[in-house]
Amino acid sequence: MKKPLNVAFGVDERPPHAVTALSGLQHVGLMSLYLVYPVLIARATNSPPHVAAAMVSLTLLALAIGTIFQVIRIGPFGSGFLCPPIPSVVYLVPSLIAARHGSLALVFGMTIAAGLFEMVLSRALRRLRPMFPPEIAGLVVLLVGIATGVVGLRVAFSVTDQKTAVDLVDFAVALLTLAIMVGLNVWGRGAARLFCVLIGMATGYAITAVLGRFAATDMAVFSTGPMIALPDVGHIGWQFDPALILPFIVASVAATLKVIGNVTTCQKANDAEWVRADMRSISRGVLADGVGTVIAGAVGAPGINTSTASVGLASATGVLSRYVAYAVVVILVALAFVPKLGFLFYIMPRPVAGAALIFSSTFIIVNGLEIMTSRLLDARKTLIIGLALIIGLAVDIYPALFQELPEGLRVVLSTSLVFGTLIGLTLNLLFRIGVRKTETRMIPLGALDPLPIESFIENQGAIWGARRDVIERARFNLIQSIETILNGCNPQGPIEIAINFDEFNLDIHISYPGEPMVLPVTRPTREEIIASEEGERALAGFLLRRLADRVSASHGAGRSTLLFHFDH
C-alpha cells in the first residue's frame, strides 16, 4: 500500500491527539445532521417529545457501537477503515411506513430483520460478486452523493414541500459557510485544511447567533435541560410483520451496496497503487454494518449504515486514520449521556447543515465516478449506469408521480437511491444474458496485423467490464506472443486464441501446430542472446512471462499450447 500525496494520515497512521480529537469532532458534527431521522420516525407514531429525545440518545449509542465494529479487525468483523455509520436514508422510508402501520416496536423489529439479512449477504458476497460489479457499487455511491447534495441544497435554502421560496438570509449564511470550507480546503495549509469543515460550521453557528436566527424555544430547551441524564428506554419493544419484509430487504440490499462503495472508496483513498477491491475487507465491513443495524434495532434506534459523507470528509481533509474512529466513539457516547451537547448538534442551523452536506457531496460524487470508470464500459454497462441514474432521479424530479402508486410499491420507489439501485441491479442481471465468458479467434499465417487483435481484446474487455490495466497488459502480451510464435516457432497452421474471463481471472490460451515456445524463469545472458536465435526467443519468452501473473506451456501431438493467466 502506497500512501497518496494528498493524504496527511493514512489508515494505520496515528495522528497527534489534537488532530485526532478535532477530526473526530468534525465527523460527529457531520453525522449529527442525520439525527433528524429518529425524530421523524418518532413523530410518525405521535410519540411525545421525550421519546424522540430518547431515540436520539440511543441512536448515538448505536452509532458508537457500530463505529467500533466497523473499525476493528477481529475475526470476521470490521473493514478496518474510518467509515462510521449514520442513521441511514435507505431505512428511513420503510421505517416511516412501519411506524404508520404499527408502532415503534414494529420499526425496531423490522430493523433487526434487515440487519440480519445484511449479515447473511456479507457471507455470500464473493459468490454474488457478479451481481455487484464496481459499476453498480459506483452507481450507488454516485446516487448517494447526488441525494446528499440535493438534500443539502434544500436544507441550505430552507426549502420544503410546503415552502418553496428561498430565504435570502439562510442563503447568505449557507454560501458564506460553504465558501469558508471550500477556501480552507483549497488554499488552506496545515490545521486550517484539516479542520476546514469544523471551522466553517463554527463560523456558521456564530453568524446564526449574531443574527438571532436560533429559535427561542430551542434556546429555552437548551438552557433548562439537564446536563447529564440516562436515555429513556420505556419505548423499546420489538414486533415483526411479514408484509413489510420486502421494503426492508430492498433497503438492506441498498445498504450492502452502499457499504461496498464506501469501503472500496476507503481502499482507493488509502492506496495510490489501488487496482482492485479487496473483497475480504468489504465482506467484513458489510458484516459489521449488519451487526450495527441489528444492535440499533435492539436498543430502540432506526437502521444505520456506513456514512458516505464521512468517507467524503476524510478524503477531503486527508485524515484517513482509523484512530479517529475511537475519538468519534468517545464523543458519541458523551453526547448520548449529555443532552445539552447532543442538543447543540441537534439545533444545528439549516444553512450550516446544508453547506456541510453540499461540501461532502462533491467528493462523494467524484468517488462514485472513479469507481465506475475503473472498469472498461461497453454499451451494456453504459446503459445500466445511464438508465439507472436517469430513472432513479425521476423520484426527486417528479415526486408527485410516485405518490399515486400503491403503498407497497411506494416504499420501494420512494427514494432515488433505492429506486436507482434496483434499476441498476435488474439491468445488470438482464444484460448478462448473451454475454459469453469465452471468446475465440483464428490468426492466419502471414504478416501480423495487430489492429484486429487489439480491437478484439479491448471490445471483449469492455463487454465483460474488465479492469483497464489488466486488459492493457493482456493486449500487449497477446500481440507479443503471436509475433514471437510467427517469427520463432515455425507454426504450420493458423494460431487459435481463446480468452476466458470471470470476475477474478483473465486467461489467454494460445494454441498452434509448431515448435513450443520457451518461457524461461531467468533472463538469458547477453552472450546467449547475441549468440543465436534461440537466445532471442528465450528473451522474448522471459519478457512474456513477466507480463502475466502465471504462465504455462505444453506440447503434444505436434501442437503447442500456451496459457497466460492474469489476476483480476
Protein backbone atom coordinates (compact mmCIF):
# COMPACT_ATOMS: atom_id res chain seq x y z
CA MET A 1 0.00 0.00 0.00
CA LYS A 2 1.40 3.37 -1.08
CA LYS A 3 0.04 6.50 0.60
CA PRO A 4 -1.28 9.10 -1.88
CA LEU A 5 0.31 12.55 -1.82
CA ASN A 6 -2.90 14.29 -0.71
CA VAL A 7 -3.28 12.07 2.38
CA ALA A 8 -1.93 13.54 5.60
CA PHE A 9 -2.56 10.49 7.81
CA GLY A 10 -3.18 7.05 6.31
CA VAL A 11 -5.45 4.38 7.75
CA ASP A 12 -2.82 2.88 10.09
CA GLU A 13 -1.02 6.10 10.99
CA ARG A 14 -1.62 7.64 14.40
CA PRO A 15 -2.16 11.45 14.19
CA PRO A 16 -1.37 13.79 17.09
CA HIS A 17 -4.00 13.75 19.82
CA ALA A 18 -5.30 17.21 18.93
CA VAL A 19 -5.73 16.25 15.27
CA THR A 20 -7.49 13.02 16.27
CA ALA A 21 -9.90 14.80 18.63
CA LEU A 22 -10.78 17.66 16.28
CA SER A 23 -11.14 15.29 13.31
CA GLY A 24 -13.47 13.15 15.40
CA LEU A 25 -15.50 16.24 16.25
CA GLN A 26 -15.80 17.09 12.55
CA HIS A 27 -17.13 13.63 11.78
CA VAL A 28 -19.60 13.73 14.66
CA GLY A 29 -20.80 17.14 13.51
CA LEU A 30 -21.46 15.71 10.04
CA MET A 31 -23.07 12.54 11.44
CA SER A 32 -25.36 14.60 13.67
CA LEU A 33 -27.07 16.06 10.61
CA TYR A 34 -28.90 12.74 10.25
CA LEU A 35 -30.25 12.69 13.82
CA VAL A 36 -33.42 14.19 12.39
CA TYR A 37 -34.34 10.70 11.10
CA PRO A 38 -35.13 9.16 14.50
CA VAL A 39 -37.10 12.31 15.35
CA LEU A 40 -39.16 11.98 12.15
CA ILE A 41 -39.86 8.32 12.90
CA ALA A 42 -40.91 9.14 16.47
CA ARG A 43 -43.25 11.86 15.18
CA ALA A 44 -44.80 9.39 12.69
CA THR A 45 -46.10 7.40 15.67
CA ASN A 46 -47.23 10.57 17.50
CA SER A 47 -44.70 9.85 20.24
CA PRO A 48 -44.13 12.56 22.87
CA PRO A 49 -41.01 14.75 22.74
CA HIS A 50 -39.19 12.82 25.48
CA VAL A 51 -39.44 9.63 23.35
CA ALA A 52 -37.94 11.46 20.37
CA ALA A 53 -35.13 12.74 22.60
CA ALA A 54 -34.54 9.24 23.94
CA MET A 55 -34.36 7.85 20.39
CA VAL A 56 -31.70 10.43 19.55
CA SER A 57 -29.60 9.41 22.57
CA LEU A 58 -29.99 5.71 21.84
CA THR A 59 -29.15 6.32 18.18
CA LEU A 60 -25.91 7.97 19.30
CA LEU A 61 -25.06 4.85 21.35
CA ALA A 62 -25.88 2.60 18.38
CA LEU A 63 -23.62 4.72 16.16
CA ALA A 64 -20.78 4.40 18.68
CA ILE A 65 -21.12 0.61 18.78
CA GLY A 66 -21.43 0.43 15.00
CA THR A 67 -18.29 2.54 14.59
CA ILE A 68 -16.33 0.15 16.83
CA PHE A 69 -17.50 -2.89 14.87
CA GLN A 70 -16.55 -1.20 11.59
CA VAL A 71 -13.06 -0.06 12.57
CA ILE A 72 -11.83 -3.15 14.44
CA ARG A 73 -10.16 -6.09 12.71
CA ILE A 74 -11.13 -9.01 14.90
CA GLY A 75 -12.34 -12.30 13.50
CA PRO A 76 -14.80 -11.72 10.64
CA PHE A 77 -15.69 -8.20 11.77
CA GLY A 78 -14.54 -4.79 10.62
CA SER A 79 -13.28 -3.29 7.39
CA GLY A 80 -10.58 -1.54 9.42
CA PHE A 81 -11.28 1.85 7.81
CA LEU A 82 -12.58 5.18 9.08
CA CYS A 83 -16.11 4.55 7.87
CA PRO A 84 -18.55 5.35 10.72
CA PRO A 85 -22.31 4.75 10.35
CA ILE A 86 -25.18 7.21 10.39
CA PRO A 87 -28.98 6.89 10.64
CA SER A 88 -29.49 5.88 7.02
CA VAL A 89 -31.83 7.31 4.41
CA VAL A 90 -32.20 3.80 2.92
CA TYR A 91 -34.04 2.72 6.07
CA LEU A 92 -35.98 5.95 6.60
CA VAL A 93 -38.94 5.37 4.27
CA PRO A 94 -39.51 1.71 5.25
CA SER A 95 -39.28 2.78 8.90
CA LEU A 96 -41.82 5.57 8.39
CA ILE A 97 -44.26 3.14 6.78
CA ALA A 98 -43.74 0.64 9.60
CA ALA A 99 -44.34 3.47 12.05
CA ARG A 100 -47.62 4.40 10.35
CA HIS A 101 -48.73 0.75 10.19
CA GLY A 102 -47.92 -0.12 13.76
CA SER A 103 -45.67 1.37 16.37
CA LEU A 104 -42.03 1.99 17.16
CA ALA A 105 -41.80 -1.66 18.20
CA LEU A 106 -42.57 -2.66 14.60
CA VAL A 107 -39.86 -0.28 13.34
CA PHE A 108 -37.27 -1.80 15.67
CA GLY A 109 -38.27 -5.41 14.93
CA MET A 110 -38.11 -4.95 11.14
CA THR A 111 -34.78 -3.10 11.52
CA ILE A 112 -33.35 -6.15 13.26
CA ALA A 113 -34.62 -8.35 10.41
CA ALA A 114 -32.96 -6.08 7.83
CA GLY A 115 -29.66 -6.18 9.72
CA LEU A 116 -29.76 -9.97 9.90
CA PHE A 117 -30.35 -10.17 6.15
CA GLU A 118 -27.36 -7.89 5.53
CA MET A 119 -25.23 -10.16 7.72
CA VAL A 120 -26.26 -13.15 5.59
CA LEU A 121 -25.41 -11.23 2.41
CA SER A 122 -21.96 -10.43 3.78
CA ARG A 123 -21.09 -14.13 3.91
CA ALA A 124 -22.05 -14.66 0.26
CA LEU A 125 -20.50 -11.57 -1.32
CA ARG A 126 -17.79 -13.43 -3.20
CA ARG A 127 -20.36 -15.71 -4.83
CA LEU A 128 -22.64 -12.75 -5.52
CA ARG A 129 -19.83 -10.59 -6.87
CA PRO A 130 -21.13 -10.76 -10.49
CA MET A 131 -24.36 -9.18 -9.23
CA PHE A 132 -22.47 -6.34 -7.52
CA PRO A 133 -19.78 -5.26 -10.01
CA PRO A 134 -17.84 -2.00 -9.49
CA GLU A 135 -20.11 -0.04 -11.82
CA ILE A 136 -23.10 -0.88 -9.60
CA ALA A 137 -21.22 -0.05 -6.40
CA GLY A 138 -20.00 3.19 -8.00
CA LEU A 139 -23.54 3.97 -9.15
CA VAL A 140 -24.81 3.63 -5.58
CA VAL A 141 -22.06 5.96 -4.29
CA LEU A 142 -22.90 8.44 -7.07
CA LEU A 143 -26.63 8.31 -6.22
CA VAL A 144 -25.79 8.84 -2.54
CA GLY A 145 -23.66 11.84 -3.47
CA ILE A 146 -26.39 13.36 -5.63
CA ALA A 147 -29.05 12.70 -2.98
CA THR A 148 -26.78 14.21 -0.32
CA GLY A 149 -26.20 17.30 -2.45
CA VAL A 150 -29.92 17.70 -3.20
CA VAL A 151 -30.79 17.42 0.49
CA GLY A 152 -28.01 19.88 1.27
CA LEU A 153 -29.41 22.41 -1.20
CA ARG A 154 -32.92 22.05 0.19
CA VAL A 155 -31.68 22.38 3.75
CA ALA A 156 -29.34 25.29 3.00
CA PHE A 157 -32.04 27.25 1.19
CA SER A 158 -34.72 26.32 3.78
CA VAL A 159 -36.88 24.81 1.03
CA THR A 160 -39.55 22.24 1.97
CA ASP A 161 -42.55 20.71 0.26
CA GLN A 162 -44.71 23.41 1.84
CA LYS A 163 -42.23 26.26 1.38
CA THR A 164 -40.56 26.81 -1.99
CA ALA A 165 -39.35 30.40 -1.56
CA VAL A 166 -35.67 30.77 -0.76
CA ASP A 167 -34.81 32.52 2.50
CA LEU A 168 -32.17 35.04 1.45
CA VAL A 169 -30.62 35.27 4.92
CA ASP A 170 -30.28 31.49 5.14
CA PHE A 171 -28.90 31.51 1.60
CA ALA A 172 -26.24 34.05 2.55
CA VAL A 173 -25.23 32.14 5.70
CA ALA A 174 -25.03 28.87 3.75
CA LEU A 175 -22.99 30.47 0.97
CA LEU A 176 -20.53 32.03 3.42
CA THR A 177 -20.20 28.77 5.40
CA LEU A 178 -19.60 26.79 2.21
CA ALA A 179 -17.12 29.38 0.93
CA ILE A 180 -15.07 29.08 4.14
CA MET A 181 -14.99 25.27 3.87
CA VAL A 182 -14.02 25.34 0.19
CA GLY A 183 -11.47 28.13 0.60
CA LEU A 184 -9.69 26.47 3.51
CA ASN A 185 -9.69 23.10 1.74
CA VAL A 186 -8.24 24.50 -1.49
CA TRP A 187 -5.88 27.20 -0.23
CA GLY A 188 -5.51 26.37 3.46
CA ARG A 189 -2.45 24.75 4.98
CA GLY A 190 -1.95 22.53 8.00
CA ALA A 191 -4.70 22.68 10.61
CA ALA A 192 -6.81 25.08 8.53
CA ARG A 193 -7.18 22.49 5.77
CA LEU A 194 -7.56 19.54 8.13
CA PHE A 195 -10.42 21.18 10.04
CA CYS A 196 -12.00 23.18 7.21
CA VAL A 197 -15.46 21.70 7.84
CA LEU A 198 -15.34 22.25 11.60
CA ILE A 199 -14.14 25.85 11.15
CA GLY A 200 -16.84 26.52 8.60
CA MET A 201 -19.56 25.03 10.84
CA ALA A 202 -18.37 27.01 13.87
CA THR A 203 -18.44 30.21 11.81
CA GLY A 204 -21.96 29.38 10.66
CA TYR A 205 -23.09 28.86 14.25
CA ALA A 206 -21.57 32.20 15.25
CA ILE A 207 -23.21 34.10 12.39
CA THR A 208 -26.59 32.48 13.14
CA ALA A 209 -26.30 33.50 16.81
CA VAL A 210 -25.33 37.08 15.92
CA LEU A 211 -28.30 37.33 13.56
CA GLY A 212 -30.64 35.94 16.22
CA ARG A 213 -31.75 33.09 13.99
CA PHE A 214 -31.89 30.41 16.70
CA ALA A 215 -35.47 29.63 17.74
CA ALA A 216 -36.40 30.87 21.19
CA THR A 217 -37.96 27.52 22.11
CA ASP A 218 -34.77 25.71 21.16
CA MET A 219 -32.67 28.03 23.27
CA ALA A 220 -35.08 27.61 26.19
CA VAL A 221 -34.83 23.80 26.00
CA PHE A 222 -31.06 24.08 25.76
CA SER A 223 -30.79 26.35 28.81
CA THR A 224 -33.20 24.42 31.06
CA GLY A 225 -32.39 20.84 30.05
CA PRO A 226 -30.29 18.57 32.29
CA MET A 227 -26.57 18.40 31.74
CA ILE A 228 -26.30 14.63 32.31
CA ALA A 229 -29.10 12.08 32.02
CA LEU A 230 -29.59 8.42 31.17
CA PRO A 231 -31.57 7.74 27.95
CA ASP A 232 -35.18 6.67 28.49
CA VAL A 233 -35.77 3.06 27.35
CA GLY A 234 -39.50 2.84 28.01
CA HIS A 235 -40.40 2.95 24.32
CA ILE A 236 -38.30 -0.09 23.34
CA GLY A 237 -40.15 -3.14 22.01
CA TRP A 238 -39.99 -5.48 19.01
CA GLN A 239 -42.62 -6.65 16.56
CA PHE A 240 -42.45 -8.27 13.12
CA ASP A 241 -44.81 -8.05 10.14
CA PRO A 242 -44.23 -10.28 7.05
CA ALA A 243 -45.99 -7.66 4.87
CA LEU A 244 -43.07 -5.28 5.44
CA ILE A 245 -40.29 -7.75 4.67
CA LEU A 246 -39.87 -6.68 1.02
CA PRO A 247 -39.17 -2.96 1.59
CA PHE A 248 -36.75 -3.72 4.42
CA ILE A 249 -34.93 -6.35 2.32
CA VAL A 250 -34.63 -3.84 -0.54
CA ALA A 251 -33.24 -1.32 1.94
CA SER A 252 -30.81 -3.95 3.23
CA VAL A 253 -29.52 -4.66 -0.30
CA ALA A 254 -29.10 -0.92 -0.91
CA ALA A 255 -27.25 -0.63 2.40
CA THR A 256 -24.98 -3.51 1.39
CA LEU A 257 -24.13 -1.85 -1.92
CA LYS A 258 -23.51 1.41 -0.10
CA VAL A 259 -21.00 -0.34 2.19
CA ILE A 260 -19.31 -1.93 -0.84
CA GLY A 261 -18.95 1.50 -2.42
CA ASN A 262 -17.80 3.19 0.79
CA VAL A 263 -15.19 0.57 1.71
CA THR A 264 -13.96 0.49 -1.88
CA THR A 265 -13.60 4.27 -1.73
CA CYS A 266 -11.64 3.96 1.53
CA GLN A 267 -9.34 1.37 -0.02
CA LYS A 268 -8.74 3.56 -3.04
CA ALA A 269 -8.22 6.72 -0.96
CA ASN A 270 -5.54 5.00 1.15
CA ASP A 271 -3.55 3.42 -1.68
CA ALA A 272 -2.09 5.33 -4.61
CA GLU A 273 -1.46 1.97 -6.33
CA TRP A 274 -5.00 0.63 -5.80
CA VAL A 275 -6.16 -1.59 -8.67
CA ARG A 276 -8.94 -3.81 -7.33
CA ALA A 277 -11.39 -4.01 -4.45
CA ASP A 278 -10.37 -6.25 -1.55
CA MET A 279 -13.47 -8.40 -1.15
CA ARG A 280 -12.33 -9.75 2.23
CA SER A 281 -12.25 -6.25 3.71
CA ILE A 282 -15.57 -5.41 2.06
CA SER A 283 -17.22 -8.58 3.36
CA ARG A 284 -16.04 -7.80 6.89
CA GLY A 285 -17.35 -4.26 6.52
CA VAL A 286 -20.78 -5.44 5.37
CA LEU A 287 -20.95 -7.90 8.28
CA ALA A 288 -20.07 -5.12 10.73
CA ASP A 289 -22.67 -2.87 9.15
CA GLY A 290 -25.34 -5.56 9.52
CA VAL A 291 -24.38 -6.10 13.16
CA GLY A 292 -24.66 -2.35 13.74
CA THR A 293 -28.17 -2.32 12.29
CA VAL A 294 -29.22 -5.28 14.45
CA ILE A 295 -27.87 -3.50 17.54
CA ALA A 296 -29.66 -0.28 16.53
CA GLY A 297 -32.98 -2.08 16.33
CA ALA A 298 -32.30 -3.89 19.59
CA VAL A 299 -31.62 -0.69 21.56
CA GLY A 300 -34.53 1.27 20.10
CA ALA A 301 -32.94 3.18 17.19
CA PRO A 302 -33.60 3.21 13.43
CA GLY A 303 -31.39 1.38 10.93
CA ILE A 304 -27.84 2.65 10.48
CA ASN A 305 -25.43 2.37 7.55
CA THR A 306 -21.87 3.48 6.77
CA SER A 307 -21.66 7.21 6.07
CA THR A 308 -20.63 8.20 2.56
CA ALA A 309 -20.47 11.78 3.78
CA SER A 310 -17.87 10.85 6.40
CA VAL A 311 -15.85 8.99 3.77
CA GLY A 312 -16.01 12.11 1.61
CA LEU A 313 -14.97 14.28 4.57
CA ALA A 314 -11.96 12.04 5.27
CA SER A 315 -10.93 12.21 1.62
CA ALA A 316 -11.34 15.99 1.58
CA THR A 317 -9.24 16.62 4.69
CA GLY A 318 -6.66 13.88 4.08
CA VAL A 319 -7.13 12.45 7.60
CA LEU A 320 -7.96 8.78 6.92
CA SER A 321 -6.57 7.33 10.14
CA ARG A 322 -8.77 4.68 11.76
CA TYR A 323 -7.70 6.06 15.14
CA VAL A 324 -10.04 8.99 14.52
CA ALA A 325 -12.89 6.47 14.85
CA TYR A 326 -12.06 5.99 18.53
CA ALA A 327 -12.38 9.75 19.10
CA VAL A 328 -15.72 9.57 17.26
CA VAL A 329 -16.87 6.80 19.64
CA VAL A 330 -15.91 8.78 22.75
CA ILE A 331 -17.73 11.91 21.53
CA LEU A 332 -20.86 9.93 20.52
CA VAL A 333 -21.07 8.26 23.92
CA ALA A 334 -20.57 11.60 25.66
CA LEU A 335 -23.35 13.16 23.60
CA ALA A 336 -25.67 10.25 24.41
CA PHE A 337 -25.43 10.96 28.16
CA VAL A 338 -25.07 14.74 27.95
CA PRO A 339 -28.33 16.02 26.46
CA LYS A 340 -27.09 19.61 26.24
CA LEU A 341 -24.17 18.69 24.00
CA GLY A 342 -26.33 16.46 21.85
CA PHE A 343 -28.97 19.13 21.58
CA LEU A 344 -26.35 21.62 20.42
CA PHE A 345 -25.78 19.43 17.38
CA TYR A 346 -29.49 18.80 17.03
CA ILE A 347 -30.27 22.52 16.68
CA MET A 348 -27.60 22.96 14.02
CA PRO A 349 -28.74 25.84 11.77
CA ARG A 350 -30.16 24.64 8.46
CA PRO A 351 -27.73 26.76 6.37
CA VAL A 352 -24.75 25.27 8.24
CA ALA A 353 -26.02 21.72 7.86
CA GLY A 354 -26.78 22.28 4.18
CA ALA A 355 -23.34 23.72 3.48
CA ALA A 356 -21.62 20.74 5.13
CA LEU A 357 -23.73 18.29 3.12
CA ILE A 358 -23.05 20.10 -0.16
CA PHE A 359 -19.32 20.18 0.57
CA SER A 360 -19.16 16.45 1.32
CA SER A 361 -21.40 15.52 -1.63
CA THR A 362 -18.85 16.84 -4.14
CA PHE A 363 -16.23 14.31 -3.01
CA ILE A 364 -18.82 11.52 -2.84
CA ILE A 365 -19.90 12.13 -6.45
CA VAL A 366 -16.33 12.10 -7.76
CA ASN A 367 -15.55 8.91 -5.80
CA GLY A 368 -18.58 7.23 -7.36
CA LEU A 369 -17.47 8.26 -10.85
CA GLU A 370 -13.95 6.97 -10.24
CA ILE A 371 -15.24 3.59 -9.02
CA MET A 372 -17.49 3.20 -12.06
CA THR A 373 -14.83 4.18 -14.59
CA SER A 374 -12.20 1.88 -13.07
CA ARG A 375 -13.62 -0.72 -15.48
CA LEU A 376 -13.97 -0.64 -19.24
CA LEU A 377 -17.55 0.24 -20.18
CA ASP A 378 -19.34 -1.10 -23.24
CA ALA A 379 -22.87 -0.29 -24.42
CA ARG A 380 -24.41 -2.63 -21.85
CA LYS A 381 -22.57 -1.13 -18.90
CA THR A 382 -23.21 2.38 -20.19
CA LEU A 383 -26.93 1.71 -20.44
CA ILE A 384 -27.00 0.19 -16.96
CA ILE A 385 -25.42 3.28 -15.43
CA GLY A 386 -27.23 5.84 -17.55
CA LEU A 387 -30.73 4.35 -17.30
CA ALA A 388 -30.44 3.61 -13.57
CA LEU A 389 -29.24 7.16 -12.93
CA ILE A 390 -31.90 8.89 -15.02
CA ILE A 391 -34.80 6.70 -13.90
CA GLY A 392 -33.67 6.79 -10.28
CA LEU A 393 -33.51 10.60 -10.27
CA ALA A 394 -37.09 10.72 -11.56
CA VAL A 395 -38.14 10.17 -7.94
CA ASP A 396 -36.59 13.51 -6.95
CA ILE A 397 -37.55 15.36 -10.15
CA TYR A 398 -41.21 14.23 -10.31
CA PRO A 399 -42.12 13.08 -6.79
CA ALA A 400 -45.85 13.57 -7.42
CA LEU A 401 -45.83 10.74 -9.99
CA PHE A 402 -44.82 8.25 -7.34
CA GLN A 403 -47.29 9.39 -4.70
CA GLU A 404 -50.16 7.78 -6.65
CA LEU A 405 -48.61 4.30 -6.57
CA PRO A 406 -49.86 1.61 -4.19
CA GLU A 407 -48.19 1.91 -0.82
CA GLY A 408 -46.26 -1.33 -1.24
CA LEU A 409 -44.63 -0.01 -4.41
CA ARG A 410 -44.23 3.47 -2.99
CA VAL A 411 -41.97 2.04 -0.29
CA VAL A 412 -39.60 0.62 -2.92
CA LEU A 413 -39.77 3.57 -5.31
CA SER A 414 -39.77 6.42 -2.83
CA THR A 415 -36.09 7.42 -2.96
CA SER A 416 -33.72 7.83 -5.89
CA LEU A 417 -31.11 5.78 -4.04
CA VAL A 418 -33.28 2.68 -3.59
CA PHE A 419 -35.07 3.01 -6.94
CA GLY A 420 -31.88 3.66 -8.90
CA THR A 421 -30.17 0.76 -7.15
CA LEU A 422 -33.00 -1.61 -8.06
CA ILE A 423 -32.94 -0.47 -11.69
CA GLY A 424 -29.17 -0.95 -11.84
CA LEU A 425 -29.30 -4.44 -10.29
CA THR A 426 -32.14 -5.51 -12.57
CA LEU A 427 -30.46 -4.25 -15.73
CA ASN A 428 -27.17 -5.83 -14.70
CA LEU A 429 -28.84 -9.24 -14.41
CA LEU A 430 -30.79 -8.74 -17.65
CA PHE A 431 -27.81 -7.59 -19.71
CA ARG A 432 -25.72 -10.56 -18.59
CA ILE A 433 -27.89 -12.65 -20.91
CA GLY A 434 -25.92 -13.42 -24.05
CA VAL A 435 -22.52 -12.43 -22.66
CA ARG A 436 -20.15 -15.28 -23.37
CA LYS A 437 -17.27 -15.76 -20.96
CA THR A 438 -15.05 -17.42 -23.57
CA GLU A 439 -14.25 -15.95 -26.99
CA THR A 440 -12.03 -17.45 -29.69
CA ARG A 441 -10.26 -16.12 -32.77
CA MET A 442 -8.11 -17.70 -35.50
CA ILE A 443 -4.98 -15.85 -36.63
CA PRO A 444 -3.85 -16.89 -40.13
CA LEU A 445 -0.20 -17.29 -41.02
CA GLY A 446 1.48 -14.30 -42.61
CA ALA A 447 2.30 -10.75 -41.64
CA LEU A 448 0.88 -9.82 -38.26
CA ASP A 449 -1.79 -7.08 -38.26
CA PRO A 450 -2.12 -6.06 -34.61
CA LEU A 451 -5.16 -3.79 -35.03
CA PRO A 452 -7.85 -6.52 -35.31
CA ILE A 453 -6.34 -8.36 -32.33
CA GLU A 454 -6.22 -5.19 -30.22
CA SER A 455 -9.81 -4.34 -31.12
CA PHE A 456 -10.88 -7.90 -30.27
CA ILE A 457 -9.45 -7.97 -26.76
CA GLU A 458 -10.41 -4.36 -25.94
CA ASN A 459 -14.01 -4.91 -27.08
CA GLN A 460 -14.25 -8.09 -25.03
CA GLY A 461 -12.80 -6.32 -22.01
CA ALA A 462 -15.48 -3.66 -22.30
CA ILE A 463 -18.25 -6.26 -22.67
CA TRP A 464 -17.02 -8.13 -19.61
CA GLY A 465 -16.36 -4.96 -17.59
CA ALA A 466 -12.72 -5.90 -17.04
CA ARG A 467 -10.18 -3.57 -15.43
CA ARG A 468 -8.37 -1.28 -17.81
CA ASP A 469 -4.88 -2.12 -16.57
CA VAL A 470 -5.45 -5.88 -16.89
CA ILE A 471 -6.73 -5.54 -20.46
CA GLU A 472 -3.75 -3.36 -21.36
CA ARG A 473 -1.30 -5.98 -20.06
CA ALA A 474 -3.21 -8.80 -21.76
CA ARG A 475 -3.35 -6.91 -25.06
CA PHE A 476 0.38 -6.26 -25.13
CA ASN A 477 1.10 -9.83 -24.05
CA LEU A 478 -1.10 -11.28 -26.81
CA ILE A 479 0.45 -9.18 -29.59
CA GLN A 480 3.98 -10.02 -28.48
CA SER A 481 3.16 -13.73 -28.10
CA ILE A 482 1.75 -14.03 -31.61
CA GLU A 483 4.67 -12.09 -33.06
CA THR A 484 7.15 -14.38 -31.26
CA ILE A 485 5.31 -17.50 -32.45
CA LEU A 486 5.23 -16.30 -36.07
CA ASN A 487 8.90 -15.31 -36.08
CA GLY A 488 10.48 -18.02 -33.97
CA CYS A 489 8.29 -21.12 -33.53
CA ASN A 490 7.74 -22.06 -37.20
CA PRO A 491 3.94 -22.51 -36.99
CA GLN A 492 2.47 -24.88 -39.61
CA GLY A 493 -1.09 -23.60 -39.43
CA PRO A 494 -3.31 -20.86 -38.04
CA ILE A 495 -2.93 -19.77 -34.41
CA GLU A 496 -6.02 -20.26 -32.25
CA ILE A 497 -6.72 -17.78 -29.44
CA ALA A 498 -9.23 -18.42 -26.64
CA ILE A 499 -9.83 -15.76 -23.98
CA ASN A 500 -11.72 -16.73 -20.83
CA PHE A 501 -12.92 -14.28 -18.17
CA ASP A 502 -14.65 -14.25 -14.82
CA GLU A 503 -14.70 -11.65 -12.06
CA PHE A 504 -11.40 -12.91 -10.66
CA ASN A 505 -9.40 -14.27 -13.62
CA LEU A 506 -8.50 -13.48 -17.22
CA ASP A 507 -6.91 -16.41 -19.09
CA ILE A 508 -5.48 -16.35 -22.61
CA HIS A 509 -4.99 -19.75 -24.30
CA ILE A 510 -2.84 -19.75 -27.44
CA SER A 511 -2.65 -22.97 -29.47
CA TYR A 512 -0.80 -23.65 -32.76
CA PRO A 513 0.83 -26.51 -34.72
CA GLY A 514 4.53 -25.89 -34.38
CA GLU A 515 7.55 -25.78 -32.13
CA PRO A 516 6.97 -24.98 -28.44
CA MET A 517 7.83 -21.58 -27.05
CA VAL A 518 10.39 -21.43 -24.29
CA LEU A 519 9.34 -19.42 -21.22
CA PRO A 520 12.45 -19.27 -19.03
CA VAL A 521 12.20 -18.21 -15.40
CA THR A 522 15.54 -16.40 -15.51
CA ARG A 523 16.67 -13.88 -18.08
CA PRO A 524 19.13 -15.26 -20.65
CA THR A 525 22.59 -13.76 -20.56
CA ARG A 526 23.75 -11.11 -23.01
CA GLU A 527 26.04 -13.67 -24.66
CA GLU A 528 23.19 -16.15 -25.12
CA ILE A 529 21.01 -13.50 -26.70
CA ILE A 530 23.72 -12.44 -29.17
CA ALA A 531 24.90 -15.99 -29.96
CA SER A 532 21.73 -17.44 -31.54
CA GLU A 533 18.09 -17.03 -32.40
CA GLU A 534 17.26 -19.39 -29.53
CA GLY A 535 18.66 -16.79 -27.16
CA GLU A 536 16.43 -14.11 -28.68
CA ARG A 537 13.36 -16.36 -28.38
CA ALA A 538 14.31 -17.14 -24.77
CA LEU A 539 14.47 -13.40 -24.03
CA ALA A 540 11.07 -12.91 -25.64
CA GLY A 541 9.64 -15.80 -23.60
CA PHE A 542 11.13 -14.39 -20.39
CA LEU A 543 9.56 -10.98 -21.04
CA LEU A 544 6.19 -12.58 -21.82
CA ARG A 545 6.34 -14.50 -18.55
CA ARG A 546 6.84 -11.25 -16.64
CA LEU A 547 3.77 -9.66 -18.25
CA ALA A 548 1.40 -12.26 -16.79
CA ASP A 549 0.71 -13.38 -13.23
CA ARG A 550 1.06 -17.05 -14.13
CA VAL A 551 2.16 -18.88 -17.31
CA SER A 552 2.44 -22.43 -18.54
CA ALA A 553 3.43 -24.14 -21.77
CA SER A 554 2.83 -27.64 -23.14
CA HIS A 555 3.48 -29.57 -26.35
CA GLY A 556 1.91 -32.77 -27.62
CA ALA A 557 0.91 -34.43 -30.91
CA GLY A 558 2.71 -31.71 -32.84
CA ARG A 559 0.67 -28.92 -31.23
CA SER A 560 1.94 -26.33 -28.74
CA THR A 561 -0.24 -24.57 -26.15
CA LEU A 562 0.44 -21.51 -24.02
CA LEU A 563 -1.57 -20.25 -21.04
CA PHE A 564 -1.20 -16.69 -19.76
CA HIS A 565 -3.15 -16.01 -16.57
CA PHE A 566 -3.92 -12.52 -15.24
CA ASP A 567 -5.35 -11.94 -11.78
CA HIS A 568 -8.40 -9.67 -11.86
